[in-house]
N, C-alpha and C. Protein backbone atom coordinates (compact mmCIF):
# COMPACT_ATOMS: atom_id res chain seq x y z
N MET A 1 58.01 -14.81 -118.92
CA MET A 1 58.88 -13.67 -118.90
C MET A 1 58.53 -12.75 -117.74
N PHE A 2 57.26 -12.31 -117.67
CA PHE A 2 56.83 -11.46 -116.57
C PHE A 2 56.17 -12.32 -115.51
N ARG A 3 56.48 -12.04 -114.27
CA ARG A 3 55.87 -12.78 -113.17
C ARG A 3 54.59 -12.09 -112.74
N SER A 4 53.66 -12.89 -112.31
CA SER A 4 52.42 -12.31 -111.82
C SER A 4 52.63 -11.77 -110.41
N ILE A 5 51.75 -10.93 -109.99
CA ILE A 5 51.84 -10.36 -108.64
C ILE A 5 51.69 -11.46 -107.59
N ARG A 6 50.86 -12.44 -107.87
CA ARG A 6 50.67 -13.55 -106.94
C ARG A 6 51.97 -14.35 -106.77
N ALA A 7 52.69 -14.57 -107.85
CA ALA A 7 53.95 -15.31 -107.76
C ALA A 7 54.98 -14.52 -106.97
N LEU A 8 55.02 -13.21 -107.14
CA LEU A 8 55.96 -12.39 -106.37
C LEU A 8 55.58 -12.36 -104.90
N ALA A 9 54.29 -12.31 -104.60
CA ALA A 9 53.84 -12.29 -103.21
C ALA A 9 54.17 -13.60 -102.51
N ALA A 10 54.17 -14.70 -103.24
CA ALA A 10 54.47 -15.99 -102.65
C ALA A 10 55.94 -16.08 -102.22
N GLU A 11 56.81 -15.30 -102.82
CA GLU A 11 58.23 -15.31 -102.47
C GLU A 11 58.58 -14.28 -101.41
N HIS A 12 57.63 -13.48 -100.99
CA HIS A 12 57.89 -12.45 -99.99
C HIS A 12 58.31 -13.09 -98.67
N GLY A 13 59.46 -12.71 -98.13
CA GLY A 13 59.95 -13.25 -96.88
C GLY A 13 60.76 -14.53 -97.02
N GLN A 14 60.97 -14.99 -98.23
CA GLN A 14 61.70 -16.24 -98.43
C GLN A 14 63.14 -16.14 -97.94
N GLY A 15 63.77 -15.00 -98.13
CA GLY A 15 65.15 -14.82 -97.67
C GLY A 15 65.26 -14.96 -96.17
N THR A 16 64.29 -14.42 -95.44
CA THR A 16 64.29 -14.53 -93.99
C THR A 16 64.18 -15.98 -93.56
N VAL A 17 63.34 -16.73 -94.21
CA VAL A 17 63.17 -18.15 -93.88
C VAL A 17 64.48 -18.89 -94.12
N GLU A 18 65.16 -18.58 -95.19
CA GLU A 18 66.44 -19.25 -95.48
C GLU A 18 67.51 -18.90 -94.46
N TYR A 19 67.57 -17.64 -94.04
CA TYR A 19 68.55 -17.25 -93.02
C TYR A 19 68.26 -17.93 -91.69
N VAL A 20 67.01 -18.00 -91.30
CA VAL A 20 66.65 -18.68 -90.05
C VAL A 20 67.02 -20.15 -90.12
N ALA A 21 66.77 -20.79 -91.24
CA ALA A 21 67.13 -22.20 -91.40
C ALA A 21 68.65 -22.39 -91.31
N LEU A 22 69.40 -21.48 -91.89
CA LEU A 22 70.85 -21.57 -91.84
C LEU A 22 71.36 -21.40 -90.41
N ILE A 23 70.79 -20.46 -89.68
CA ILE A 23 71.20 -20.23 -88.29
C ILE A 23 70.87 -21.46 -87.44
N LEU A 24 69.70 -22.05 -87.66
CA LEU A 24 69.34 -23.25 -86.92
C LEU A 24 70.26 -24.42 -87.24
N LEU A 25 70.66 -24.53 -88.48
CA LEU A 25 71.60 -25.58 -88.87
C LEU A 25 72.94 -25.41 -88.17
N VAL A 26 73.46 -24.20 -88.18
CA VAL A 26 74.74 -23.94 -87.51
C VAL A 26 74.62 -24.18 -86.01
N ALA A 27 73.51 -23.76 -85.41
CA ALA A 27 73.31 -23.98 -83.97
C ALA A 27 73.24 -25.48 -83.67
N GLY A 28 72.60 -26.24 -84.54
CA GLY A 28 72.53 -27.69 -84.34
C GLY A 28 73.88 -28.35 -84.43
N ILE A 29 74.68 -27.93 -85.38
CA ILE A 29 76.04 -28.48 -85.51
C ILE A 29 76.87 -28.12 -84.29
N PHE A 30 76.75 -26.88 -83.85
CA PHE A 30 77.51 -26.45 -82.67
C PHE A 30 77.08 -27.25 -81.43
N ALA A 31 75.78 -27.47 -81.27
CA ALA A 31 75.27 -28.24 -80.13
C ALA A 31 75.80 -29.68 -80.18
N ALA A 32 75.86 -30.27 -81.36
CA ALA A 32 76.37 -31.63 -81.50
C ALA A 32 77.85 -31.70 -81.14
N VAL A 33 78.61 -30.69 -81.55
CA VAL A 33 80.05 -30.66 -81.22
C VAL A 33 80.24 -30.52 -79.72
N VAL A 34 79.47 -29.65 -79.09
CA VAL A 34 79.59 -29.46 -77.65
C VAL A 34 79.19 -30.73 -76.90
N ALA A 35 78.11 -31.37 -77.34
CA ALA A 35 77.66 -32.59 -76.68
C ALA A 35 78.69 -33.71 -76.83
N THR A 36 79.35 -33.76 -77.95
CA THR A 36 80.35 -34.81 -78.18
C THR A 36 81.64 -34.53 -77.43
N GLY A 37 82.07 -33.28 -77.38
CA GLY A 37 83.36 -32.94 -76.79
C GLY A 37 83.33 -32.60 -75.33
N GLY A 38 82.18 -32.44 -74.73
CA GLY A 38 82.10 -32.07 -73.33
C GLY A 38 82.13 -30.57 -73.15
N LYS A 39 82.00 -30.13 -71.90
CA LYS A 39 81.92 -28.69 -71.61
C LYS A 39 83.22 -27.96 -71.95
N ASP A 40 84.34 -28.56 -71.65
CA ASP A 40 85.62 -27.89 -71.88
C ASP A 40 85.84 -27.61 -73.36
N ALA A 41 85.56 -28.60 -74.20
CA ALA A 41 85.73 -28.42 -75.64
C ALA A 41 84.74 -27.38 -76.16
N GLY A 42 83.53 -27.38 -75.64
CA GLY A 42 82.53 -26.42 -76.07
C GLY A 42 82.94 -24.99 -75.73
N GLY A 43 83.52 -24.81 -74.56
CA GLY A 43 83.98 -23.48 -74.15
C GLY A 43 85.10 -22.97 -75.04
N ARG A 44 86.03 -23.85 -75.37
CA ARG A 44 87.14 -23.44 -76.25
C ARG A 44 86.64 -23.12 -77.64
N ILE A 45 85.72 -23.93 -78.14
CA ILE A 45 85.17 -23.69 -79.48
C ILE A 45 84.40 -22.39 -79.50
N ALA A 46 83.56 -22.16 -78.48
CA ALA A 46 82.79 -20.92 -78.41
C ALA A 46 83.70 -19.71 -78.33
N GLY A 47 84.77 -19.81 -77.55
CA GLY A 47 85.72 -18.70 -77.45
C GLY A 47 86.41 -18.41 -78.77
N LYS A 48 86.79 -19.47 -79.48
CA LYS A 48 87.45 -19.31 -80.78
C LYS A 48 86.50 -18.68 -81.80
N ILE A 49 85.26 -19.16 -81.83
CA ILE A 49 84.28 -18.61 -82.77
C ILE A 49 84.03 -17.15 -82.46
N SER A 50 83.86 -16.83 -81.17
CA SER A 50 83.61 -15.44 -80.78
C SER A 50 84.77 -14.53 -81.16
N SER A 51 85.99 -14.97 -80.91
CA SER A 51 87.14 -14.13 -81.25
C SER A 51 87.29 -13.95 -82.76
N GLU A 52 87.00 -14.99 -83.53
CA GLU A 52 87.10 -14.87 -84.99
C GLU A 52 86.03 -13.94 -85.55
N ILE A 53 84.82 -14.03 -85.00
CA ILE A 53 83.76 -13.12 -85.45
C ILE A 53 84.15 -11.69 -85.11
N GLN A 54 84.66 -11.48 -83.90
CA GLN A 54 85.08 -10.13 -83.50
C GLN A 54 86.21 -9.63 -84.40
N ASN A 55 87.16 -10.48 -84.73
CA ASN A 55 88.25 -10.07 -85.62
C ASN A 55 87.74 -9.67 -86.99
N GLN A 56 86.78 -10.42 -87.52
CA GLN A 56 86.23 -10.08 -88.83
C GLN A 56 85.46 -8.77 -88.80
N ILE A 57 84.69 -8.55 -87.74
CA ILE A 57 83.95 -7.30 -87.61
C ILE A 57 84.91 -6.12 -87.50
N ASN A 58 85.97 -6.30 -86.72
CA ASN A 58 86.96 -5.23 -86.55
C ASN A 58 87.70 -4.95 -87.87
N SER A 59 87.95 -5.98 -88.66
CA SER A 59 88.66 -5.76 -89.93
C SER A 59 87.80 -4.98 -90.90
N VAL A 60 86.49 -5.17 -90.85
CA VAL A 60 85.59 -4.41 -91.72
C VAL A 60 85.55 -2.96 -91.26
N GLY A 61 85.55 -2.75 -89.93
CA GLY A 61 85.48 -1.40 -89.38
C GLY A 61 86.79 -0.66 -89.42
N GLY A 62 87.86 -1.33 -89.76
CA GLY A 62 89.16 -0.70 -89.86
C GLY A 62 89.97 -0.75 -88.59
N LYS A 63 89.46 -1.41 -87.52
CA LYS A 63 90.21 -1.54 -86.28
C LYS A 63 91.19 -2.70 -86.42
N LYS A 64 92.24 -2.64 -85.62
CA LYS A 64 93.23 -3.72 -85.65
C LYS A 64 93.34 -4.37 -84.30
């Protein structure tokens, strides 16, 4: 029921490790897509991803 302090200390920073692993996974997938599609496809994909991220950030901030 109650966790010991040692068990809680062992989980300290676990979220950061998971986020870094997720970012590395996405970067690996993106690198594979670029390598497979060539430079032109990679540029289009990067542009699309960048514009979609910017659109989502702007929608949260209330910009259109």
